[in-house]
C-alpha atoms as a PDB file:
ATOM      1  CA  UNK A   1     101.249 122.161 117.601  1.00  0.00           C
ATOM      2  CA  UNK A   2      98.564 120.053 117.519  1.00  0.00           C
ATOM      3  CA  UNK A   3      97.199 118.406 120.773  1.00  0.00           C
ATOM      4  CA  UNK A   4      96.328 114.990 121.256  1.00  0.00           C
ATOM      5  CA  UNK A   5      92.727 114.346 119.104  1.00  0.00           C
ATOM      6  CA  UNK A   6      90.151 113.525 122.081  1.00  0.00           C
ATOM      7  CA  UNK A   7      88.441 110.210 122.313  1.00  0.00           C
ATOM      8  CA  UNK A   8      84.850 109.687 121.966  1.00  0.00           C
ATOM      9  CA  UNK A   9      82.576 107.318 123.464  1.00  0.00           C
ATOM     10  CA  UNK A  10      78.630 106.718 123.982  1.00  0.00           C
ATOM     11  CA  UNK A  11      76.215 108.607 122.333  1.00  0.00           C
ATOM     12  CA  UNK A  12      76.502 111.782 120.377  1.00  0.00           C
ATOM     13  CA  UNK A  13      74.325 114.213 118.821  1.00  0.00           C
ATOM     14  CA  UNK A  14      74.896 116.409 115.020  1.00  0.00           C
ATOM     15  CA  UNK A  15      75.453 119.860 115.657  1.00  0.00           C
ATOM     16  CA  UNK A  16      73.006 122.836 113.977  1.00  0.00           C
ATOM     17  CA  UNK A  17      73.066 126.343 114.777  1.00  0.00           C
ATOM     18  CA  UNK A  18      69.465 126.087 116.002  1.00  0.00           C
ATOM     19  CA  UNK A  19      71.267 124.409 118.526  1.00  0.00           C
ATOM     20  CA  UNK A  20      74.163 126.210 119.649  1.00  0.00           C
ATOM     21  CA  UNK A  21      71.935 128.173 121.878  1.00  0.00           C
ATOM     22  CA  UNK A  22      69.898 125.541 123.988  1.00  0.00           C
ATOM     23  CA  UNK A  23      73.327 123.146 124.296  1.00  0.00           C
ATOM     24  CA  UNK A  24      75.185 125.844 125.787  1.00  0.00           C
ATOM     25  CA  UNK A  25      72.580 126.832 128.332  1.00  0.00           C
ATOM     26  CA  UNK A  26      72.728 123.544 129.761  1.00  0.00           C
ATOM     27  CA  UNK A  27      75.025 120.730 131.529  1.00  0.00           C
ATOM     28  CA  UNK A  28      77.603 118.816 129.286  1.00  0.00           C
ATOM     29  CA  UNK A  29      76.815 115.278 130.778  1.00  0.00           C
ATOM     30  CA  UNK A  30      73.599 114.645 128.383  1.00  0.00           C
ATOM     31  CA  UNK A  31      75.885 113.885 125.358  1.00  0.00           C
ATOM     32  CA  UNK A  32      79.055 112.222 125.014  1.00  0.00           C
ATOM     33  CA  UNK A  33      80.261 113.718 121.809  1.00  0.00           C
ATOM     34  CA  UNK A  34      79.144 116.008 118.411  1.00  0.00           C
ATOM     35  CA  UNK A  35      79.315 115.417 114.816  1.00  0.00           C
ATOM     36  CA  UNK A  36      80.056 118.894 112.463  1.00  0.00           C
ATOM     37  CA  UNK A  37      80.002 119.214 109.621  1.00  0.00           C
ATOM     38  CA  UNK A  38      83.662 121.205 108.624  1.00  0.00           C
ATOM     39  CA  UNK A  39      82.027 123.010 105.425  1.00  0.00           C
ATOM     40  CA  UNK A  40      79.709 124.577 108.015  1.00  0.00           C
ATOM     41  CA  UNK A  41      81.929 125.904 109.709  1.00  0.00           C
ATOM     42  CA  UNK A  42      85.592 126.362 108.015  1.00  0.00           C
ATOM     43  CA  UNK A  43      86.481 129.929 108.485  1.00  0.00           C
ATOM     44  CA  UNK A  44      83.387 130.942 110.608  1.00  0.00           C
ATOM     45  CA  UNK A  45      83.793 134.186 112.728  1.00  0.00           C
ATOM     46  CA  UNK A  46      81.332 135.901 114.930  1.00  0.00           C
ATOM     47  CA  UNK A  47      79.276 134.951 117.608  1.00  0.00           C
ATOM     48  CA  UNK A  48      78.950 131.669 115.802  1.00  0.00           C
ATOM     49  CA  UNK A  49      82.153 130.990 115.523  1.00  0.00           C
ATOM     50  CA  UNK A  50      82.594 131.861 119.245  1.00  0.00           C
ATOM     51  CA  UNK A  51      79.943 129.734 120.006  1.00  0.00           C
ATOM     52  CA  UNK A  52      81.348 126.424 118.085  1.00  0.00           C
ATOM     53  CA  UNK A  53      84.420 126.960 119.460  1.00  0.00           C
ATOM     54  CA  UNK A  54      82.916 127.066 123.060  1.00  0.00           C
ATOM     55  CA  UNK A  55      81.188 123.296 122.120  1.00  0.00           C
ATOM     56  CA  UNK A  56      84.621 122.190 121.149  1.00  0.00           C
ATOM     57  CA  UNK A  57      85.980 123.061 124.279  1.00  0.00           C
ATOM     58  CA  UNK A  58      83.093 121.426 126.087  1.00  0.00           C
ATOM     59  CA  UNK A  59      82.844 117.765 123.731  1.00  0.00           C
ATOM     60  CA  UNK A  60      84.796 115.997 122.066  1.00  0.00           C
ATOM     61  CA  UNK A  61      83.764 116.306 118.363  1.00  0.00           C
ATOM     62  CA  UNK A  62      83.928 114.049 114.792  1.00  0.00           C
ATOM     63  CA  UNK A  63      83.594 115.987 111.614  1.00  0.00           C
ATOM     64  CA  UNK A  64      81.080 114.107 109.013  1.00  0.00           C
ATOM     65  CA  UNK A  65      81.647 115.691 105.203  1.00  0.00           C
ATOM     66  CA  UNK A  66      79.027 116.657 102.924  1.00  0.00           C
ATOM     67  CA  UNK A  67      81.329 117.713  99.537  1.00  0.00           C
ATOM     68  CA  UNK A  68      84.296 115.908  99.478  1.00  0.00           C
ATOM     69  CA  UNK A  69      82.933 114.225  96.032  1.00  0.00           C
ATOM     70  CA  UNK A  70      85.073 110.848  96.789  1.00  0.00           C
ATOM     71  CA  UNK A  71      83.224 108.571  93.684  1.00  0.00           C
ATOM     72  CA  UNK A  72      83.077 111.309  91.379  1.00  0.00           C
ATOM     73  CA  UNK A  73      84.888 112.301  87.841  1.00  0.00           C
ATOM     74  CA  UNK A  74      86.347 115.597  89.171  1.00  0.00           C
ATOM     75  CA  UNK A  75      89.355 116.028  90.472  1.00  0.00           C
ATOM     76  CA  UNK A  76      89.451 116.335  94.636  1.00  0.00           C
ATOM     77  CA  UNK A  77      89.023 119.187  96.168  1.00  0.00           C
ATOM     78  CA  UNK A  78      92.307 119.595  98.043  1.00  0.00           C
ATOM     79  CA  UNK A  79      91.690 123.259  99.159  1.00  0.00           C
ATOM     80  CA  UNK A  80      88.704 121.885 101.333  1.00  0.00           C
ATOM     81  CA  UNK A  81      91.012 118.426 102.426  1.00  0.00           C
ATOM     82  CA  UNK A  82      93.958 120.978 103.454  1.00  0.00           C
ATOM     83  CA  UNK A  83      90.928 123.326 105.392  1.00  0.00           C
ATOM     84  CA  UNK A  84      89.824 120.070 107.208  1.00  0.00           C
ATOM     85  CA  UNK A  85      92.997 119.199 108.253  1.00  0.00           C
ATOM     86  CA  UNK A  86      93.824 122.588 109.504  1.00  0.00           C
ATOM     87  CA  UNK A  87      90.491 122.830 111.217  1.00  0.00           C
ATOM     88  CA  UNK A  88      91.049 118.800 113.006  1.00  0.00           C
ATOM     89  CA  UNK A  89      94.895 120.342 114.217  1.00  0.00           C
ATOM     90  CA  UNK A  90      93.167 122.951 116.181  1.00  0.00           C
ATOM     91  CA  UNK A  91      90.133 121.749 117.780  1.00  0.00           C
ATOM     92  CA  UNK A  92      91.580 118.123 118.256  1.00  0.00           C
ATOM     93  CA  UNK A  93      89.598 116.191 116.438  1.00  0.00           C
ATOM     94  CA  UNK A  94      90.112 112.433 115.882  1.00  0.00           C
ATOM     95  CA  UNK A  95      88.576 111.634 112.505  1.00  0.00           C
ATOM     96  CA  UNK A  96      87.279 112.992 109.399  1.00  0.00           C
ATOM     97  CA  UNK A  97      83.897 110.962 107.719  1.00  0.00           C
ATOM     98  CA  UNK A  98      82.156 111.255 104.284  1.00  0.00           C
ATOM     99  CA  UNK A  99      79.886 109.448 102.242  1.00  0.00           C
ATOM    100  CA  UNK A 100      80.695 106.707  99.917  1.00  0.00           C
ATOM    101  CA  UNK A 101      79.207 108.370  97.057  1.00  0.00           C
ATOM    102  CA  UNK A 102      79.848 110.859  94.678  1.00  0.00           C
ATOM    103  CA  UNK A 103      78.016 114.617  94.417  1.00  0.00           C
ATOM    104  CA  UNK A 104      79.994 116.429  91.311  1.00  0.00           C
ATOM    105  CA  UNK A 105      80.342 116.456  87.678  1.00  0.00           C
ATOM    106  CA  UNK A 106      81.263 119.278  86.088  1.00  0.00           C
ATOM    107  CA  UNK A 107      80.046 121.267  89.503  1.00  0.00           C
ATOM    108  CA  UNK A 108      78.528 120.288  92.358  1.00  0.00           C
ATOM    109  CA  UNK A 109      75.048 118.448  91.937  1.00  0.00           C
ATOM    110  CA  UNK A 110      73.952 119.155  96.032  1.00  0.00           C
ATOM    111  CA  UNK A 111      72.812 115.184  96.386  1.00  0.00           C
ATOM    112  CA  UNK A 112      75.002 112.055  96.974  1.00  0.00           C
ATOM    113  CA  UNK A 113      74.430 109.529  94.747  1.00  0.00           C
ATOM    114  CA  UNK A 114      75.595 105.700  93.924  1.00  0.00           C
ATOM    115  CA  UNK A 115      78.711 105.282  93.030  1.00  0.00           C
ATOM    116  CA  UNK A 116      78.391 101.725  90.798  1.00  0.00           C
ATOM    117  CA  UNK A 117      79.242  98.621  92.099  1.00  0.00           C
ATOM    118  CA  UNK A 118      82.149  97.611  90.156  1.00  0.00           C
ATOM    119  CA  UNK A 119      85.775  96.858  89.699  1.00  0.00           C
ATOM    120  CA  UNK A 120      86.474 100.238  87.711  1.00  0.00           C
ATOM    121  CA  UNK A 121      84.804 102.351  90.656  1.00  0.00           C
ATOM    122  CA  UNK A 122      86.719 100.543  93.020  1.00  0.00           C
ATOM    123  CA  UNK A 123      90.091 101.413  91.565  1.00  0.00           C
ATOM    124  CA  UNK A 124      88.588 104.626  91.051  1.00  0.00           C
ATOM    125  CA  UNK A 125      87.349 105.464  94.473  1.00  0.00           C
ATOM    126  CA  UNK A 126      90.906 103.567  96.195  1.00  0.00           C
ATOM    127  CA  UNK A 127      92.997 105.661  94.502  1.00  0.00           C
ATOM    128  CA  UNK A 128      90.785 109.111  95.760  1.00  0.00           C
ATOM    129  CA  UNK A 129      90.776 108.066  99.174  1.00  0.00           C
ATOM    130  CA  UNK A 130      94.538 107.928  99.588  1.00  0.00           C
ATOM    131  CA  UNK A 131      94.687 111.009  97.880  1.00  0.00           C
ATOM    132  CA  UNK A 132      92.559 112.144 100.521  1.00  0.00           C
ATOM    133  CA  UNK A 133      94.267 110.061 103.293  1.00  0.00           C
ATOM    134  CA  UNK A 134      97.835 111.631 102.428  1.00  0.00           C
ATOM    135  CA  UNK A 135      96.638 115.006 103.069  1.00  0.00           C
ATOM    136  CA  UNK A 136      94.600 114.317 106.640  1.00  0.00           C
ATOM    137  CA  UNK A 137      97.017 111.830 108.217  1.00  0.00           C
ATOM    138  CA  UNK A 138      94.994 109.314 108.881  1.00  0.00           C
ATOM    139  CA  UNK A 139      92.303 107.043 107.530  1.00  0.00           C
ATOM    140  CA  UNK A 140      89.015 108.383 106.059  1.00  0.00           C
ATOM    141  CA  UNK A 141      86.080 107.254 107.211  1.00  0.00           C
ATOM    142  CA  UNK A 142      83.243 106.129 104.660  1.00  0.00           C
ATOM    143  CA  UNK A 143      79.532 106.113 105.270  1.00  0.00           C
ATOM    144  CA  UNK A 144      77.435 103.728 103.659  1.00  0.00           C
ATOM    145  CA  UNK A 145      74.754 105.357 101.763  1.00  0.00           C
ATOM    146  CA  UNK A 146      71.300 105.417 101.296  1.00  0.00           C
ATOM    147  CA  UNK A 147      70.038 105.613  97.446  1.00  0.00           C
ATOM    148  CA  UNK A 148      67.314 105.052  95.448  1.00  0.00           C
ATOM    149  CA  UNK A 149      68.139 104.073  91.814  1.00  0.00           C
ATOM    150  CA  UNK A 150      70.356 100.931  91.356  1.00  0.00           C
ATOM    151  CA  UNK A 151      73.727 101.699  89.534  1.00  0.00           C
ATOM    152  CA  UNK A 152      75.333  99.866  87.485  1.00  0.00           C
ATOM    153  CA  UNK A 153      76.823  96.572  89.385  1.00  0.00           C
ATOM    154  CA  UNK A 154      79.217  93.721  88.848  1.00  0.00           C
ATOM    155  CA  UNK A 155      79.360  92.679  92.689  1.00  0.00           C
ATOM    156  CA  UNK A 156      77.485  93.531  95.762  1.00  0.00           C
ATOM    157  CA  UNK A 157      77.024  96.747  97.227  1.00  0.00           C
ATOM    158  CA  UNK A 158      78.867  94.929 100.840  1.00  0.00           C
ATOM    159  CA  UNK A 159      81.275  93.431  98.512  1.00  0.00           C
ATOM    160  CA  UNK A 160      82.184  97.080  96.900  1.00  0.00           C
ATOM    161  CA  UNK A 161      82.169  98.836 100.064  1.00  0.00           C
ATOM    162  CA  UNK A 162      84.697  95.576 101.660  1.00  0.00           C
ATOM    163  CA  UNK A 163      86.596  95.987  98.582  1.00  0.00           C
ATOM    164  CA  UNK A 164      87.048  99.822  99.112  1.00  0.00           C
ATOM    165  CA  UNK A 165      88.085  99.542 102.613  1.00  0.00           C
ATOM    166  CA  UNK A 166      90.386  96.674 102.089  1.00  0.00           C
ATOM    167  CA  UNK A 167      92.437  98.115  98.771  1.00  0.00           C
ATOM    168  CA  UNK A 168      92.195 101.847 100.578  1.00  0.00           C
ATOM    169  CA  UNK A 169      92.952 101.104 104.608  1.00  0.00           C
ATOM    170  CA  UNK A 170      89.837 103.521 104.868  1.00  0.00           C
ATOM    171  CA  UNK A 171      87.433 102.497 107.974  1.00  0.00           C
ATOM    172  CA  UNK A 172      83.446 102.527 107.715  1.00  0.00           C
ATOM    173  CA  UNK A 173      80.919 104.633 109.419  1.00  0.00           C
ATOM    174  CA  UNK A 174      78.128 102.087 109.798  1.00  0.00           C
ATOM    175  CA  UNK A 175      74.861 104.445 109.266  1.00  0.00           C
ATOM    176  CA  UNK A 176      72.674 101.681 110.504  1.00  0.00           C
ATOM    177  CA  UNK A 177      69.170 103.964 109.323  1.00  0.00           C
ATOM    178  CA  UNK A 178      70.633 104.009 105.556  1.00  0.00           C
ATOM    179  CA  UNK A 179      70.648 100.234 106.022  1.00  0.00           C
ATOM    180  CA  UNK A 180      66.981  99.386 106.971  1.00  0.00           C
ATOM    181  CA  UNK A 181      65.419 102.496 103.774  1.00  0.00           C
ATOM    182  CA  UNK A 182      67.899 100.171 101.609  1.00  0.00           C
ATOM    183  CA  UNK A 183      66.193  97.185 102.633  1.00  0.00           C
ATOM    184  CA  UNK A 184      62.998  98.330 102.469  1.00  0.00           C
ATOM    185  CA  UNK A 185      63.410 100.361  98.808  1.00  0.00           C
ATOM    186  CA  UNK A 186      65.261  97.395  97.151  1.00  0.00           C
ATOM    187  CA  UNK A 187      64.015  94.546  99.005  1.00  0.00           C
ATOM    188  CA  UNK A 188      66.990  92.572 100.910  1.00  0.00           C
ATOM    189  CA  UNK A 189      67.488  91.760 105.068  1.00  0.00           C
ATOM    190  CA  UNK A 190      68.888  94.155 106.677  1.00  0.00           C
ATOM    191  CA  UNK A 191      69.928  91.641 109.429  1.00  0.00           C
ATOM    192  CA  UNK A 192      71.900  89.722 106.723  1.00  0.00           C
ATOM    193  CA  UNK A 193      73.029  92.645 104.724  1.00  0.00           C
ATOM    194  CA  UNK A 194      74.776  94.160 108.332  1.00  0.00           C
ATOM    195  CA  UNK A 195      76.420  91.154 109.102  1.00  0.00           C
ATOM    196  CA  UNK A 196      77.577  90.845 105.726  1.00  0.00           C
ATOM    197  CA  UNK A 197      80.113  94.429 105.942  1.00  0.00           C
ATOM    198  CA  UNK A 198      83.830  94.319 106.661  1.00  0.00           C
ATOM    199  CA  UNK A 199      82.440  94.996 111.126  1.00  0.00           C
ATOM    200  CA  UNK A 200      85.871  94.709 112.058  1.00  0.00           C
ATOM    201  CA  UNK A 201      86.436  98.232 110.016  1.00  0.00           C
ATOM    202  CA  UNK A 202      83.711  99.880 111.772  1.00  0.00           C
ATOM    203  CA  UNK A 203      84.536 103.381 113.598  1.00  0.00           C
ATOM    204  CA  UNK A 204      81.720 104.156 114.637  1.00  0.00           C
ATOM    205  CA  UNK A 205      77.694 104.645 113.967  1.00  0.00           C
ATOM    206  CA  UNK A 206      75.118 106.619 112.606  1.00  0.00           C
ATOM    207  CA  UNK A 207      71.148 106.295 113.348  1.00  0.00           C
ATOM    208  CA  UNK A 208      68.405 108.321 112.135  1.00  0.00           C
ATOM    209  CA  UNK A 209      64.706 109.007 111.127  1.00  0.00           C
ATOM    210  CA  UNK A 210      63.170 109.371 107.675  1.00  0.00           C
ATOM    211  CA  UNK A 211      60.199 109.470 105.669  1.00  0.00           C
ATOM    212  CA  UNK A 212      57.767 106.784 104.663  1.00  0.00           C
ATOM    213  CA  UNK A 213      56.655 107.668 101.111  1.00  0.00           C
ATOM    214  CA  UNK A 214      54.758 104.533 100.595  1.00  0.00           C
ATOM    215  CA  UNK A 215      55.499 101.257 102.055  1.00  0.00           C
ATOM    216  CA  UNK A 216      58.187 100.430  99.472  1.00  0.00           C
ATOM    217  CA  UNK A 217      59.624 103.354  99.235  1.00  0.00           C
ATOM    218  CA  UNK A 218      61.271 105.481 102.305  1.00  0.00           C
ATOM    219  CA  UNK A 219      63.401 108.120 102.156  1.00  0.00           C
ATOM    220  CA  UNK A 220      66.356 109.347 104.354  1.00  0.00           C
ATOM    221  CA  UNK A 221      65.433 112.814 105.681  1.00  0.00           C
ATOM    222  CA  UNK A 222      66.816 112.976 108.988  1.00  0.00           C
ATOM    223  CA  UNK A 223      63.971 114.948 109.809  1.00  0.00           C
ATOM    224  CA  UNK A 224      61.898 112.847 111.867  1.00  0.00           C
ATOM    225  CA  UNK A 225      62.252 110.528 114.825  1.00  0.00           C
ATOM    226  CA  UNK A 226      64.192 107.061 114.831  1.00  0.00           C
ATOM    227  CA  UNK A 227      60.925 104.304 114.227  1.00  0.00           C
ATOM    228  CA  UNK A 228      61.177 100.865 115.871  1.00  0.00           C
ATOM    229  CA  UNK A 229      63.000  98.523 113.777  1.00  0.00           C
ATOM    230  CA  UNK A 230      65.703 100.739 113.035  1.00  0.00           C
ATOM    231  CA  UNK A 231      65.885 100.883 116.734  1.00  0.00           C
ATOM    232  CA  UNK A 232      65.947  97.076 116.622  1.00  0.00           C
ATOM    233  CA  UNK A 233      68.831  97.007 114.064  1.00  0.00           C
ATOM    234  CA  UNK A 234      70.644  99.256 116.012  1.00  0.00           C
ATOM    235  CA  UNK A 235      70.674  97.195 118.846  1.00  0.00           C
ATOM    236  CA  UNK A 236      71.840  94.297 116.664  1.00  0.00           C
ATOM    237  CA  UNK A 237      74.839  95.781 115.236  1.00  0.00           C
ATOM    238  CA  UNK A 238      75.475  96.559 118.836  1.00  0.00           C
ATOM    239  CA  UNK A 239      75.613  92.131 119.465  1.00  0.00           C
ATOM    240  CA  UNK A 240      77.578  91.892 116.690  1.00  0.00           C
ATOM    241  CA  UNK A 241      79.960  94.938 117.645  1.00  0.00           C
ATOM    242  CA  UNK A 242      79.946  95.790 120.536  1.00  0.00           C
ATOM    243  CA  UNK A 243      78.541  99.470 122.087  1.00  0.00           C
ATOM    244  CA  UNK A 244      80.390 101.542 119.724  1.00  0.00           C
ATOM    245  CA  UNK A 245      80.095 105.338 119.294  1.00  0.00           C
ATOM    246  CA  UNK A 246      76.908 106.320 118.004  1.00  0.00           C
ATOM    247  CA  UNK A 247      75.445 109.441 116.621  1.00  0.00           C
ATOM    248  CA  UNK A 248      72.035 110.732 116.276  1.00  0.00           C
ATOM    249  CA  UNK A 249      71.386 112.843 113.157  1.00  0.00           C
ATOM    250  CA  UNK A 250      68.785 115.790 112.906  1.00  0.00           C
ATOM    251  CA  UNK A 251      68.607 117.671 110.176  1.00  0.00           C
ATOM    252  CA  UNK A 252      65.612 119.669 109.560  1.00  0.00           C
ATOM    253  CA  UNK A 253      62.010 119.749 111.823  1.00  0.00           C
ATOM    254  CA  UNK A 254      64.173 119.902 114.596  1.00  0.00           C
ATOM    255  CA  UNK A 255      61.982 119.281 118.119  1.00  0.00           C
ATOM    256  CA  UNK A 256      63.160 121.306 121.431  1.00  0.00           C
ATOM    257  CA  UNK A 257      66.513 119.970 122.218  1.00  0.00           C
ATOM    258  CA  UNK A 258      65.026 117.772 125.949  1.00  0.00           C
ATOM    259  CA  UNK A 259      63.209 115.780 122.976  1.00  0.00           C
ATOM    260  CA  UNK A 260      65.850 115.116 120.888  1.00  0.00           C
ATOM    261  CA  UNK A 261      67.979 114.119 123.902  1.00  0.00           C
ATOM    262  CA  UNK A 262      65.728 111.825 125.023  1.00  0.00           C
ATOM    263  CA  UNK A 263      66.533 110.066 121.375  1.00  0.00           C
ATOM    264  CA  UNK A 264      70.090 110.106 122.487  1.00  0.00           C
ATOM    265  CA  UNK A 265      68.935 108.226 125.706  1.00  0.00           C
ATOM    266  CA  UNK A 266      67.583 105.689 123.865  1.00  0.00           C
ATOM    267  CA  UNK A 267      70.952 105.148 122.244  1.00  0.00           C
ATOM    268  CA  UNK A 268      72.482 104.657 125.586  1.00  0.00           C
ATOM    269  CA  UNK A 269      70.263 102.602 127.004  1.00  0.00           C
ATOM    270  CA  UNK A 270      70.546 100.046 124.151  1.00  0.00           C
ATOM    271  CA  UNK A 271      74.456 100.174 124.428  1.00  0.00           C
ATOM    272  CA  UNK A 272      74.291  99.833 128.023  1.00  0.00           C
ATOM    273  CA  UNK A 273      72.600  96.592 127.033  1.00  0.00           C
ATOM    274  CA  UNK A 274      74.678  95.470 124.405  1.00  0.00           C
ATOM    275  CA  UNK A 275      76.948  92.152 124.473  1.00  0.00           C
ATOM    276  CA  UNK A 276      80.509  93.469 125.920  1.00  0.00           C
ATOM    277  CA  UNK A 277      82.994  93.827 123.202  1.00  0.00           C
ATOM    278  CA  UNK A 278      82.950  97.781 122.596  1.00  0.00           C
ATOM    279  CA  UNK A 279      85.733  99.974 122.567  1.00  0.00           C
ATOM    280  CA  UNK A 280      86.413 103.721 122.663  1.00  0.00           C
ATOM    281  CA  UNK A 281      87.308 105.972 119.588  1.00  0.00           C
ATOM    282  CA  UNK A 282      90.095 108.389 118.775  1.00  0.00           C
ATOM    283  CA  UNK A 283      93.547 108.964 117.254  1.00  0.00           C
ATOM    284  CA  UNK A 284      94.927 105.407 117.307  1.00  0.00           C
ATOM    285  CA  UNK A 285      92.005 103.401 118.104  1.00  0.00           C
END
């Protein structure tokens, strides 16, 4: 029988294989939880599998998927969803998040592409979310996406996100860097956009660095340090939400672990300065 899911709180870090050894060689107090892509760990055995399960014993985990394709035209990958559910049960994971995007059309496209902001798309996505939720047995948590070309729209992005979450019962993974990147690329006020989202549905947050292609073009790479305007936007999010659990994403150009932990510590510092009202997040929260 699966155990009760472990709660998350505080500041977390995304797990990469290069971090397994450094993480297992130091005390656990610098990080409150870890986030893993289930596609990278389902069925993994050997040394990596053993190290992964040691990490799962040390830290509460959340799963953040890469390939569910919640907005696409292809049938949902039900085998993937069943494997995710099994991993959640095995490791006592509280919830599973994905991207509010599509990434396949007659095969994987290896990119996260924006869904049109239309009523038809809302209905399509809601039906697929409900199908996924029937398998995982709880609300799916969906991330607001970065995008570079504007898909067709009959409503605003915030209206689209709100409609999807309200009708499906899904929850929101609030990616602060994606808001900042989109605000530069598409010319809007990031604070006003943040305030327009269904903040009562936020389960946890992401923060990350990005690449400056030009003054008016930022690329969401997760390959650099978090910059001051993104830190400031995170503090604004805490003012609205309280200090909800927050995950630092770093996917490549990985610095030494102590440097990453400095950014995790900065998340904690800003959580400590936030207005009251935060909450721990876990099963049933």
